[in-house]
Amino acid sequence: TANGGMGGGIYALAPLIATESLFIVNNTIVENTGSAYLSEQGGGIAVSIPPRITGPEPIPDRIVIANNIIAHNSSGIFETLTAPMVYPTLVTNDFYANDDGYTSVPPGATDLNLDPQFADKDNLNLRPLSTSPCIDAGDNRYAPAASAVDYQGNPRIFDGDRDGVATVDLGIYELYFPQPGAVDFDGDRKGDLVVWRPGTGVWYVRPSGAPGTFTTASWG
């Protein structure tokens, strides 16, 4: 968390000498502050993209921000003021419940403003629930190709909403079931013992990581 400066979660500079795009993808950025006196400077993300004074821009899409969850920050995204402005490319990010969403940056056409439904934000469990709008909501073009797994080691890309199309989730986690017919509610990549009651829409779960205990979860 940054207090009294730019970019509480991430600060990114795209210099004119850059020869390729800078990508900020599949992050979960929550409860950061980036404020200055009488102004807000990017609690979630702050970017600086200095323009070329003469001639064309050196490369298109100098900063690409995609498939991120930016929530509960002092602001979502801020860009330093220049003349002219060169904006970052925003693709399928969820900007939710930030005090200010976009500062000096136009919203991305495919960005969301929906509750990511974290499992337990107050205790830093930032895994979205299976009902989260962030499941299968990303853009596969910007999924981290160099890393085939998410923050917890689960495979990307996975068909988390079971619609027959595998699409990357937003944020650092990918909703994953370890094998056909198995359900992994406790995230240990082992199948849990579950009973589905269609009348209530609830799974009754005995997790593999805590045998002898039972929990419930909505799904379906």
Protein backbone atom coordinates (compact mmCIF):
# COMPACT_ATOMS: atom_id res chain seq x y z
CA THR A 1 0.00 0.00 0.00
CA ALA A 2 1.32 3.42 -0.93
CA ASN A 3 0.25 6.43 1.11
CA GLY A 4 1.04 9.88 -0.24
CA GLY A 5 2.37 8.76 -3.64
CA MET A 6 1.42 7.43 -7.05
CA GLY A 7 0.41 3.87 -7.70
CA GLY A 8 -0.52 2.10 -4.48
CA GLY A 9 -0.72 -1.27 -6.20
CA ILE A 10 1.33 -0.79 -9.38
CA TYR A 11 3.19 2.13 -10.96
CA ALA A 12 4.21 1.72 -14.61
CA LEU A 13 6.23 4.00 -16.90
CA ALA A 14 6.38 3.45 -20.68
CA PRO A 15 9.38 5.45 -21.91
CA LEU A 16 9.69 6.67 -25.47
CA ILE A 17 12.63 4.32 -26.03
CA ALA A 18 10.44 1.24 -25.38
CA THR A 19 10.38 -1.19 -28.31
CA GLU A 20 7.54 -3.42 -27.09
CA SER A 21 4.33 -3.10 -25.10
CA LEU A 22 4.28 -3.28 -21.32
CA PHE A 23 1.59 -5.71 -20.13
CA ILE A 24 -0.16 -5.59 -16.73
CA VAL A 25 -2.32 -8.71 -16.74
CA ASN A 26 -4.16 -11.02 -14.33
CA ASN A 27 -3.45 -9.17 -11.11
CA THR A 28 -5.72 -8.79 -8.08
CA ILE A 29 -5.17 -5.30 -6.64
CA VAL A 30 -7.13 -4.61 -3.46
CA GLU A 31 -7.17 -2.00 -0.67
CA ASN A 32 -4.29 0.23 -1.75
CA THR A 33 -3.95 3.99 -1.42
CA GLY A 34 -2.15 6.37 -3.75
CA SER A 35 -3.08 9.90 -2.79
CA ALA A 36 -1.44 13.30 -2.79
CA TYR A 37 -2.59 16.62 -1.34
CA LEU A 38 -6.05 17.40 -2.75
CA SER A 39 -5.67 14.83 -5.53
CA GLU A 40 -5.95 11.12 -6.16
CA GLN A 41 -3.07 9.38 -7.89
CA GLY A 42 -3.96 5.77 -8.48
CA GLY A 43 -4.62 3.57 -5.48
CA GLY A 44 -4.83 0.57 -7.78
CA ILE A 45 -2.64 1.46 -10.77
CA ALA A 46 -0.82 4.60 -11.87
CA VAL A 47 0.74 4.94 -15.32
CA SER A 48 2.93 7.47 -17.09
CA ILE A 49 3.09 7.47 -20.90
CA PRO A 50 5.09 10.47 -22.16
CA PRO A 51 4.04 11.45 -25.70
CA ARG A 52 6.28 11.99 -28.67
CA ILE A 53 6.29 15.71 -29.45
CA THR A 54 6.80 15.22 -33.19
CA GLY A 55 6.19 12.21 -35.39
CA PRO A 56 4.21 9.05 -34.70
CA GLU A 57 4.13 7.14 -31.45
CA PRO A 58 7.02 4.64 -31.23
CA ILE A 59 4.75 1.59 -30.78
CA PRO A 60 0.98 1.08 -30.47
CA ASP A 61 -0.52 -0.01 -27.14
CA ARG A 62 2.46 1.10 -25.08
CA ILE A 63 0.78 -0.10 -21.87
CA VAL A 64 -1.85 -2.86 -21.97
CA ILE A 65 -3.88 -3.49 -18.80
CA ALA A 66 -6.04 -6.60 -19.08
CA ASN A 67 -7.83 -9.29 -17.05
CA ASN A 68 -7.23 -7.60 -13.70
CA ILE A 69 -9.40 -7.15 -10.61
CA ILE A 70 -8.93 -3.65 -9.16
CA ALA A 71 -11.23 -3.27 -6.16
CA HIS A 72 -11.64 -1.35 -2.90
CA ASN A 73 -8.73 1.05 -3.56
CA SER A 74 -8.60 4.81 -3.05
CA SER A 75 -8.95 4.95 -6.84
CA GLY A 76 -8.82 2.47 -9.68
CA ILE A 77 -6.38 3.91 -12.23
CA PHE A 78 -4.62 7.25 -12.68
CA GLU A 79 -2.49 8.63 -15.50
CA THR A 80 -0.11 11.56 -15.23
CA LEU A 81 -1.22 14.52 -17.32
CA THR A 82 0.64 15.18 -20.57
CA ALA A 83 -0.06 17.09 -23.78
CA PRO A 84 -1.22 15.27 -25.75
CA MET A 85 -2.46 12.34 -23.66
CA VAL A 86 -1.49 8.82 -24.72
CA TYR A 87 -3.83 6.42 -22.95
CA PRO A 88 -3.21 2.83 -21.89
CA THR A 89 -5.20 0.04 -23.53
CA LEU A 90 -7.77 -1.36 -21.07
CA VAL A 91 -9.31 -4.79 -21.75
CA THR A 92 -11.75 -6.75 -19.51
CA ASN A 93 -10.71 -5.43 -16.11
CA ASP A 94 -13.08 -5.33 -13.14
CA PHE A 95 -12.93 -1.90 -11.48
CA TYR A 96 -15.18 -2.19 -8.42
CA ALA A 97 -15.82 -0.12 -5.27
CA ASN A 98 -12.80 2.15 -5.71
CA ASP A 99 -13.34 5.63 -4.28
CA ASP A 100 -12.57 6.98 -7.76
CA GLY A 101 -12.66 4.59 -10.70
CA TYR A 102 -10.78 6.29 -13.54
CA THR A 103 -8.71 9.46 -13.12
CA SER A 104 -7.49 11.07 -16.35
CA VAL A 105 -8.09 7.74 -18.14
CA PRO A 106 -11.21 6.81 -20.15
CA PRO A 107 -12.87 3.50 -19.16
CA GLY A 108 -12.12 0.45 -21.25
CA ALA A 109 -15.02 -0.57 -23.51
CA THR A 110 -15.01 -4.11 -22.06
CA ASP A 111 -14.25 -3.24 -18.42
CA LEU A 112 -16.62 -4.40 -15.68
CA ASN A 113 -17.94 -2.68 -12.57
CA LEU A 114 -19.20 -5.72 -10.67
CA ASP A 115 -18.62 -7.22 -7.23
CA PRO A 116 -15.84 -9.83 -7.70
CA GLN A 117 -17.31 -11.82 -4.79
CA PHE A 118 -14.11 -12.58 -2.92
CA ALA A 119 -14.31 -15.59 -0.62
CA ASP A 120 -13.25 -13.56 2.45
CA LYS A 121 -11.70 -10.16 1.70
CA ASP A 122 -11.36 -9.17 5.35
CA ASN A 123 -9.08 -12.17 5.93
CA LEU A 124 -7.23 -11.71 2.62
CA ASN A 125 -8.84 -14.66 0.87
CA LEU A 126 -9.18 -12.97 -2.51
CA ARG A 127 -10.25 -16.03 -4.48
CA PRO A 128 -13.50 -15.22 -6.31
CA LEU A 129 -16.41 -17.52 -5.54
CA SER A 130 -17.74 -19.82 -8.23
CA THR A 131 -20.63 -17.37 -8.74
CA SER A 132 -18.30 -14.42 -9.36
CA PRO A 133 -18.70 -12.44 -12.60
CA CYS A 134 -14.91 -12.63 -12.90
CA ILE A 135 -15.02 -16.36 -13.73
CA ASP A 136 -14.38 -16.93 -17.46
CA ALA A 137 -14.68 -13.17 -18.01
CA GLY A 138 -11.22 -12.37 -19.37
CA ASP A 139 -9.68 -12.10 -22.81
CA ASN A 140 -7.57 -15.11 -23.76
CA ARG A 141 -5.37 -12.97 -26.01
CA TYR A 142 -3.84 -11.44 -22.88
CA ALA A 143 -3.62 -14.54 -20.68
CA PRO A 144 -0.05 -15.02 -19.40
CA ALA A 145 1.30 -17.36 -22.07
CA ALA A 146 4.61 -17.88 -20.26
CA SER A 147 2.87 -19.21 -17.15
CA ALA A 148 0.42 -22.06 -17.56
CA VAL A 149 -0.70 -21.87 -13.92
CA ASP A 150 -2.36 -19.32 -11.67
CA TYR A 151 -1.06 -17.91 -8.37
CA GLN A 152 -1.95 -21.12 -6.53
CA GLY A 153 -0.55 -23.45 -9.18
CA ASN A 154 -3.85 -24.37 -10.84
CA PRO A 155 -3.88 -24.61 -14.63
CA ARG A 156 -4.92 -21.74 -16.86
CA ILE A 157 -7.06 -21.53 -18.99
CA PHE A 158 -10.04 -23.51 -17.58
CA ASP A 159 -13.77 -23.62 -18.31
CA GLY A 160 -14.82 -22.45 -14.87
CA ASP A 161 -18.43 -21.63 -15.71
CA ARG A 162 -18.91 -24.95 -17.54
CA ASP A 163 -20.35 -23.42 -20.71
CA GLY A 164 -18.09 -25.47 -22.98
CA VAL A 165 -15.65 -22.60 -23.71
CA ALA A 166 -12.44 -22.25 -21.70
CA THR A 167 -11.85 -18.56 -20.96
CA VAL A 168 -9.31 -17.06 -18.59
CA ASP A 169 -10.62 -15.70 -15.27
CA LEU A 170 -9.89 -12.19 -14.05
CA GLY A 171 -7.28 -11.77 -11.33
CA ILE A 172 -4.58 -14.06 -9.97
CA TYR A 173 -6.77 -17.14 -9.44
CA GLU A 174 -8.36 -19.53 -11.93
CA LEU A 175 -11.42 -21.51 -10.85
CA TYR A 176 -10.36 -25.12 -11.43
CA PHE A 177 -11.77 -28.61 -10.98
CA PRO A 178 -9.00 -31.23 -11.01
CA GLN A 179 -10.70 -33.89 -13.15
CA PRO A 180 -14.05 -34.56 -14.83
CA GLY A 181 -16.68 -35.30 -12.21
CA ALA A 182 -14.49 -34.14 -9.31
CA VAL A 183 -15.05 -31.01 -7.28
CA ASP A 184 -12.30 -29.21 -5.37
CA PHE A 185 -13.85 -26.66 -3.00
CA ASP A 186 -10.87 -26.32 -0.64
CA GLY A 187 -8.34 -25.59 -3.41
CA ASP A 188 -5.88 -28.42 -2.65
CA ARG A 189 -6.26 -29.94 -6.14
CA LYS A 190 -7.84 -33.09 -4.71
CA GLY A 191 -11.44 -34.13 -5.17
CA ASP A 192 -13.74 -33.49 -2.21
CA LEU A 193 -16.63 -35.72 -1.14
CA VAL A 194 -19.79 -33.81 -2.03
CA VAL A 195 -23.54 -34.24 -2.08
CA TRP A 196 -25.66 -32.05 -4.35
CA ARG A 197 -29.19 -31.14 -3.26
CA PRO A 198 -31.00 -29.62 -6.26
CA GLY A 199 -33.94 -28.51 -4.16
CA THR A 200 -31.74 -26.04 -2.27
CA GLY A 201 -29.01 -25.44 -4.85
CA VAL A 202 -26.36 -26.32 -2.29
CA TRP A 203 -23.36 -28.67 -2.24
CA TYR A 204 -22.67 -30.35 1.10
CA VAL A 205 -18.91 -30.81 1.18
CA ARG A 206 -16.46 -32.94 3.15
CA PRO A 207 -13.17 -31.35 2.05
CA SER A 208 -10.18 -33.56 1.37
CA GLY A 209 -7.98 -31.22 3.37
CA ALA A 210 -10.11 -31.49 6.54
CA PRO A 211 -11.77 -34.93 6.71
CA GLY A 212 -14.46 -35.20 9.35
CA THR A 213 -15.73 -31.66 8.79
CA PHE A 214 -18.54 -30.50 6.54
CA THR A 215 -19.19 -27.20 4.80
CA THR A 216 -21.80 -25.95 2.34
CA ALA A 217 -21.40 -24.07 -0.92
CA SER A 218 -23.81 -22.73 -3.50
CA TRP A 219 -23.23 -23.86 -7.06
CA GLY A 220 -25.16 -24.86 -10.14
